[in-house]
Each structure stands twice: as structure tokens, then as C-alpha cells.
Amino acid sequence: MMLLDGKMEDKQLVDILSTFKEEIVHEFRHQMSIQREDFQHKLDLVVEGHQMLAETLERTRVELKDDIQGIGRSVAVIEVKTDSLSTDLAAHRADTEAHHGVYRVKES
């Protein structure tokens, strides 16, 4: 086969095309490697973000659980105080009703 100036033979052309093909394959693999590394880096960032979110949610859950338990204890204390006040009020009322001449509780 003769090309350009008639001096190139089939073997030379095959060698040139083979070398060109190898260069293309090498460059393609290199670009794919770069793309794979970039994708892996981005995937690692996503995984790290999810881990941070999971840790934040767990901390928030623990804090809320502690807060709810604290509120439960406060409600229990308020119930005891309310019961105590109710008992004191009942005793005071009974005492004032026992002294009709001096103290009197009127309900309107």
C-alpha cells in the first residue's frame, strides 16, 4: 500500500496505527482513572456527611431524652407540691370553718 509520497508500506502503517491505538487506550485508561478517583472522593465526602448527620441526630436524641426525663421529674415535684397545697388548703378551710365567729370562708 502506498500513501502520501508512495514510500509507506503496509507494515509501517499497521505499526503507526497500532502505536496510535495504544496511546488512545492508555489515555482513555488514564482519564477513567482520574474520573474514578474524583467520583470516589465525592462519595467519601457524602459518606462523611452522613456519618456527621447520624452523630448529630444521636446527640440530639440523647439530649431530648434527658430533657424529657427532667421535665418528668419537674412534673412529679409539681404534683407533690400541688397535693401538699391542697392538703394545707383543706386543713386551713376546716380550721376557719371551725371558728365561725372569727373566720369565715365565703364562696361566691
N, C-alpha and C. Protein backbone atom coordinates (compact mmCIF):
# COMPACT_ATOMS: atom_id res chain seq x y z
N MET A 1 0.85 -1.17 0.00
CA MET A 1 0.00 0.00 0.00
C MET A 1 0.89 1.23 0.00
N MET A 2 0.53 2.21 -0.74
CA MET A 2 1.35 3.41 -0.88
C MET A 2 0.52 4.59 -0.41
N LEU A 3 1.10 5.41 0.48
CA LEU A 3 0.42 6.58 0.99
C LEU A 3 1.33 7.78 0.86
N LEU A 4 0.76 8.94 0.89
CA LEU A 4 1.45 10.22 0.84
C LEU A 4 2.45 10.29 -0.29
N ASP A 5 3.67 10.02 -0.03
CA ASP A 5 4.68 10.16 -1.09
C ASP A 5 5.03 8.80 -1.69
N GLY A 6 4.22 7.78 -1.43
CA GLY A 6 4.44 6.49 -2.03
C GLY A 6 5.50 5.66 -1.34
N LYS A 7 5.99 6.07 -0.21
CA LYS A 7 7.08 5.36 0.44
C LYS A 7 6.63 4.54 1.65
N MET A 8 5.40 4.69 2.13
CA MET A 8 4.96 3.99 3.32
C MET A 8 4.41 2.63 2.94
N GLU A 9 4.81 1.63 3.65
CA GLU A 9 4.36 0.27 3.37
C GLU A 9 3.27 -0.12 4.36
N ASP A 10 2.62 -1.22 4.08
CA ASP A 10 1.53 -1.72 4.93
C ASP A 10 2.00 -1.95 6.37
N LYS A 11 3.14 -2.54 6.56
CA LYS A 11 3.66 -2.84 7.91
C LYS A 11 3.90 -1.55 8.69
N GLN A 12 4.43 -0.56 8.05
CA GLN A 12 4.65 0.72 8.73
C GLN A 12 3.33 1.36 9.14
N LEU A 13 2.36 1.29 8.26
CA LEU A 13 1.04 1.84 8.56
C LEU A 13 0.40 1.09 9.73
N VAL A 14 0.50 -0.21 9.72
CA VAL A 14 -0.05 -1.03 10.80
C VAL A 14 0.65 -0.69 12.11
N ASP A 15 1.97 -0.51 12.06
CA ASP A 15 2.73 -0.15 13.26
C ASP A 15 2.31 1.22 13.79
N ILE A 16 2.15 2.17 12.89
CA ILE A 16 1.72 3.51 13.30
C ILE A 16 0.33 3.47 13.91
N LEU A 17 -0.59 2.76 13.25
CA LEU A 17 -1.96 2.66 13.78
C LEU A 17 -1.99 1.92 15.10
N SER A 18 -1.18 0.89 15.23
CA SER A 18 -1.11 0.13 16.48
C SER A 18 -0.59 1.00 17.61
N THR A 19 0.45 1.77 17.34
CA THR A 19 1.01 2.69 18.34
C THR A 19 -0.02 3.74 18.71
N PHE A 20 -0.71 4.29 17.71
CA PHE A 20 -1.74 5.30 17.96
C PHE A 20 -2.88 4.72 18.81
N LYS A 21 -3.25 3.47 18.49
CA LYS A 21 -4.31 2.80 19.25
C LYS A 21 -3.87 2.61 20.70
N GLU A 22 -2.65 2.21 20.92
CA GLU A 22 -2.14 2.02 22.27
C GLU A 22 -2.13 3.35 23.04
N GLU A 23 -1.76 4.43 22.38
CA GLU A 23 -1.76 5.74 23.01
C GLU A 23 -3.18 6.16 23.41
N ILE A 24 -4.11 5.88 22.52
CA ILE A 24 -5.52 6.21 22.80
C ILE A 24 -6.01 5.39 23.99
N VAL A 25 -5.72 4.09 23.99
CA VAL A 25 -6.15 3.22 25.10
C VAL A 25 -5.52 3.69 26.41
N HIS A 26 -4.22 4.00 26.36
CA HIS A 26 -3.52 4.48 27.55
C HIS A 26 -4.17 5.78 28.06
N GLU A 27 -4.43 6.72 27.18
CA GLU A 27 -5.03 8.00 27.58
C GLU A 27 -6.44 7.79 28.12
N PHE A 28 -7.20 6.88 27.49
CA PHE A 28 -8.56 6.57 27.95
C PHE A 28 -8.51 6.00 29.37
N ARG A 29 -7.61 5.06 29.61
CA ARG A 29 -7.48 4.47 30.94
C ARG A 29 -7.05 5.53 31.96
N HIS A 30 -6.16 6.39 31.56
CA HIS A 30 -5.71 7.47 32.45
C HIS A 30 -6.89 8.38 32.82
N GLN A 31 -7.68 8.77 31.84
CA GLN A 31 -8.84 9.64 32.09
C GLN A 31 -9.87 8.93 32.96
N MET A 32 -10.08 7.64 32.71
CA MET A 32 -11.03 6.87 33.53
C MET A 32 -10.54 6.78 34.97
N SER A 33 -9.25 6.63 35.15
CA SER A 33 -8.68 6.58 36.49
C SER A 33 -8.90 7.90 37.22
N ILE A 34 -8.70 8.99 36.53
CA ILE A 34 -8.93 10.32 37.11
C ILE A 34 -10.41 10.47 37.50
N GLN A 35 -11.30 10.07 36.59
CA GLN A 35 -12.74 10.16 36.87
C GLN A 35 -13.12 9.29 38.06
N ARG A 36 -12.56 8.09 38.13
CA ARG A 36 -12.86 7.17 39.23
C ARG A 36 -12.40 7.76 40.56
N GLU A 37 -11.20 8.33 40.59
CA GLU A 37 -10.68 8.95 41.81
C GLU A 37 -11.55 10.13 42.23
N ASP A 38 -11.97 10.93 41.26
CA ASP A 38 -12.83 12.07 41.56
C ASP A 38 -14.17 11.60 42.13
N PHE A 39 -14.74 10.58 41.51
CA PHE A 39 -16.01 10.03 41.98
C PHE A 39 -15.85 9.45 43.39
N GLN A 40 -14.76 8.73 43.63
CA GLN A 40 -14.51 8.14 44.94
C GLN A 40 -14.37 9.23 46.00
N HIS A 41 -13.69 10.31 45.66
CA HIS A 41 -13.52 11.43 46.59
C HIS A 41 -14.89 12.02 46.95
N LYS A 42 -15.72 12.23 45.95
CA LYS A 42 -17.05 12.79 46.20
C LYS A 42 -17.91 11.82 47.02
N LEU A 43 -17.79 10.54 46.74
CA LEU A 43 -18.53 9.54 47.50
C LEU A 43 -18.06 9.53 48.95
N ASP A 44 -16.76 9.65 49.17
CA ASP A 44 -16.23 9.72 50.53
C ASP A 44 -16.79 10.93 51.28
N LEU A 45 -16.92 12.07 50.58
CA LEU A 45 -17.49 13.26 51.21
C LEU A 45 -18.94 13.04 51.62
N VAL A 46 -19.70 12.36 50.76
CA VAL A 46 -21.10 12.06 51.07
C VAL A 46 -21.19 11.15 52.29
N VAL A 47 -20.35 10.12 52.32
CA VAL A 47 -20.35 9.19 53.45
C VAL A 47 -19.98 9.93 54.74
N GLU A 48 -18.97 10.78 54.68
CA GLU A 48 -18.57 11.55 55.85
C GLU A 48 -19.70 12.46 56.32
N GLY A 49 -20.40 13.08 55.38
CA GLY A 49 -21.55 13.92 55.74
C GLY A 49 -22.64 13.13 56.43
N HIS A 50 -22.92 11.93 55.93
CA HIS A 50 -23.95 11.08 56.53
C HIS A 50 -23.53 10.65 57.94
N GLN A 51 -22.26 10.35 58.13
CA GLN A 51 -21.78 9.97 59.46
C GLN A 51 -21.94 11.14 60.43
N MET A 52 -21.61 12.35 59.97
CA MET A 52 -21.76 13.53 60.82
C MET A 52 -23.23 13.75 61.18
N LEU A 53 -24.12 13.58 60.21
CA LEU A 53 -25.55 13.74 60.48
C LEU A 53 -26.04 12.69 61.47
N ALA A 54 -25.59 11.46 61.31
CA ALA A 54 -26.00 10.39 62.23
C ALA A 54 -25.53 10.69 63.65
N GLU A 55 -24.30 11.17 63.79
CA GLU A 55 -23.78 11.53 65.11
C GLU A 55 -24.57 12.69 65.72
N THR A 56 -24.88 13.68 64.90
CA THR A 56 -25.65 14.83 65.38
C THR A 56 -27.04 14.40 65.82
N LEU A 57 -27.67 13.54 65.03
CA LEU A 57 -29.01 13.06 65.40
C LEU A 57 -28.96 12.26 66.69
N GLU A 58 -27.94 11.45 66.87
CA GLU A 58 -27.82 10.66 68.10
C GLU A 58 -27.63 11.57 69.31
N ARG A 59 -26.77 12.58 69.17
CA ARG A 59 -26.57 13.54 70.27
C ARG A 59 -27.87 14.26 70.60
N THR A 60 -28.59 14.68 69.57
CA THR A 60 -29.86 15.38 69.77
C THR A 60 -30.87 14.47 70.47
N ARG A 61 -30.90 13.21 70.06
CA ARG A 61 -31.82 12.24 70.67
C ARG A 61 -31.52 12.08 72.16
N VAL A 62 -30.24 11.95 72.50
CA VAL A 62 -29.85 11.80 73.90
C VAL A 62 -30.20 13.05 74.69
N GLU A 63 -29.92 14.23 74.12
CA GLU A 63 -30.25 15.48 74.81
C GLU A 63 -31.75 15.61 75.04
N LEU A 64 -32.55 15.29 74.01
CA LEU A 64 -34.01 15.38 74.16
C LEU A 64 -34.52 14.38 75.20
N LYS A 65 -33.94 13.19 75.20
CA LYS A 65 -34.34 12.19 76.18
C LYS A 65 -34.05 12.70 77.59
N ASP A 66 -32.87 13.28 77.79
CA ASP A 66 -32.53 13.84 79.10
C ASP A 66 -33.48 14.98 79.47
N ASP A 67 -33.78 15.86 78.51
CA ASP A 67 -34.70 16.97 78.76
C ASP A 67 -36.08 16.47 79.15
N ILE A 68 -36.56 15.45 78.45
CA ILE A 68 -37.89 14.90 78.74
C ILE A 68 -37.92 14.27 80.12
N GLN A 69 -36.84 13.57 80.48
CA GLN A 69 -36.77 12.99 81.83
C GLN A 69 -36.76 14.10 82.89
N GLY A 70 -36.05 15.19 82.61
CA GLY A 70 -36.03 16.33 83.54
C GLY A 70 -37.41 16.94 83.70
N ILE A 71 -38.13 17.06 82.60
CA ILE A 71 -39.50 17.59 82.65
C ILE A 71 -40.40 16.65 83.44
N GLY A 72 -40.21 15.35 83.25
CA GLY A 72 -40.99 14.37 84.01
C GLY A 72 -40.75 14.50 85.50
N ARG A 73 -39.49 14.70 85.89
CA ARG A 73 -39.17 14.89 87.32
C ARG A 73 -39.81 16.19 87.83
N SER A 74 -39.76 17.24 87.03
CA SER A 74 -40.35 18.52 87.44
C SER A 74 -41.86 18.38 87.63
N VAL A 75 -42.51 17.67 86.73
CA VAL A 75 -43.96 17.46 86.85
C VAL A 75 -44.27 16.67 88.12
N ALA A 76 -43.45 15.68 88.43
CA ALA A 76 -43.66 14.90 89.65
C ALA A 76 -43.53 15.79 90.88
N VAL A 77 -42.53 16.68 90.89
CA VAL A 77 -42.34 17.60 92.02
C VAL A 77 -43.54 18.53 92.13
N ILE A 78 -44.00 19.04 90.99
CA ILE A 78 -45.17 19.95 91.00
C ILE A 78 -46.40 19.21 91.52
N GLU A 79 -46.58 17.94 91.15
CA GLU A 79 -47.72 17.16 91.65
C GLU A 79 -47.66 17.03 93.16
N VAL A 80 -46.47 16.76 93.70
CA VAL A 80 -46.31 16.63 95.15
C VAL A 80 -46.62 17.96 95.82
N LYS A 81 -46.10 19.05 95.28
CA LYS A 81 -46.37 20.38 95.86
C LYS A 81 -47.85 20.72 95.79
N THR A 82 -48.48 20.40 94.65
CA THR A 82 -49.91 20.67 94.49
C THR A 82 -50.72 19.87 95.51
N ASP A 83 -50.35 18.61 95.68
CA ASP A 83 -51.04 17.79 96.68
C ASP A 83 -50.86 18.37 98.09
N SER A 84 -49.63 18.83 98.37
CA SER A 84 -49.35 19.42 99.67
C SER A 84 -50.17 20.69 99.87
N LEU A 85 -50.22 21.54 98.84
CA LEU A 85 -51.02 22.77 98.93
C LEU A 85 -52.50 22.45 99.11
N SER A 86 -52.96 21.43 98.40
CA SER A 86 -54.37 21.04 98.52
C SER A 86 -54.67 20.58 99.94
N THR A 87 -53.75 19.80 100.51
CA THR A 87 -53.93 19.33 101.88
C THR A 87 -53.91 20.51 102.85
N ASP A 88 -52.94 21.43 102.66
CA ASP A 88 -52.87 22.61 103.52
C ASP A 88 -54.12 23.47 103.40
N LEU A 89 -54.61 23.64 102.19
CA LEU A 89 -55.82 24.45 101.98
C LEU A 89 -57.03 23.80 102.64
N ALA A 90 -57.13 22.48 102.51
CA ALA A 90 -58.26 21.78 103.14
C ALA A 90 -58.18 21.92 104.66
N ALA A 91 -56.96 21.82 105.21
CA ALA A 91 -56.80 21.97 106.66
C ALA A 91 -57.14 23.39 107.08
N HIS A 92 -56.69 24.37 106.32
CA HIS A 92 -56.98 25.77 106.64
C HIS A 92 -58.49 26.04 106.56
N ARG A 93 -59.10 25.50 105.56
CA ARG A 93 -60.54 25.70 105.40
C ARG A 93 -61.30 25.08 106.57
N ALA A 94 -60.87 23.87 106.93
CA ALA A 94 -61.54 23.20 108.07
C ALA A 94 -61.34 24.01 109.34
N ASP A 95 -60.17 24.60 109.51
CA ASP A 95 -59.87 25.41 110.68
C ASP A 95 -60.69 26.68 110.70
N THR A 96 -60.82 27.34 109.56
CA THR A 96 -61.60 28.58 109.51
C THR A 96 -63.08 28.31 109.68
N GLU A 97 -63.55 27.18 109.21
CA GLU A 97 -64.96 26.85 109.37
C GLU A 97 -65.25 26.46 110.81
N ALA A 98 -64.23 25.98 111.53
CA ALA A 98 -64.42 25.63 112.94
C ALA A 98 -64.57 26.89 113.79
N HIS A 99 -64.04 28.01 113.38
CA HIS A 99 -64.13 29.27 114.10
C HIS A 99 -65.10 30.20 113.36
N HIS A 100 -66.39 29.93 113.53
CA HIS A 100 -67.40 30.67 112.78
C HIS A 100 -67.44 32.15 113.13
N GLY A 101 -67.14 32.47 114.31
CA GLY A 101 -67.27 33.85 114.71
C GLY A 101 -66.12 34.72 114.20
N VAL A 102 -64.96 34.18 114.08
CA VAL A 102 -63.80 34.98 113.74
C VAL A 102 -63.48 34.89 112.25
N TYR A 103 -63.38 33.70 111.75
CA TYR A 103 -63.04 33.48 110.34
C TYR A 103 -64.18 32.86 109.62
N ARG A 104 -64.41 33.26 108.41
CA ARG A 104 -65.45 32.62 107.60
C ARG A 104 -65.00 32.69 106.15
N VAL A 105 -65.12 31.56 105.48
CA VAL A 105 -64.78 31.48 104.07
C VAL A 105 -66.09 31.48 103.30
N LYS A 106 -66.21 32.43 102.42
CA LYS A 106 -67.44 32.51 101.63
C LYS A 106 -67.12 32.18 100.20
N GLU A 107 -68.00 31.45 99.61
CA GLU A 107 -67.86 31.16 98.19
C GLU A 107 -68.92 31.95 97.46
N SER A 108 -68.52 32.66 96.46
CA SER A 108 -69.49 33.47 95.75
C SER A 108 -70.13 32.72 94.63
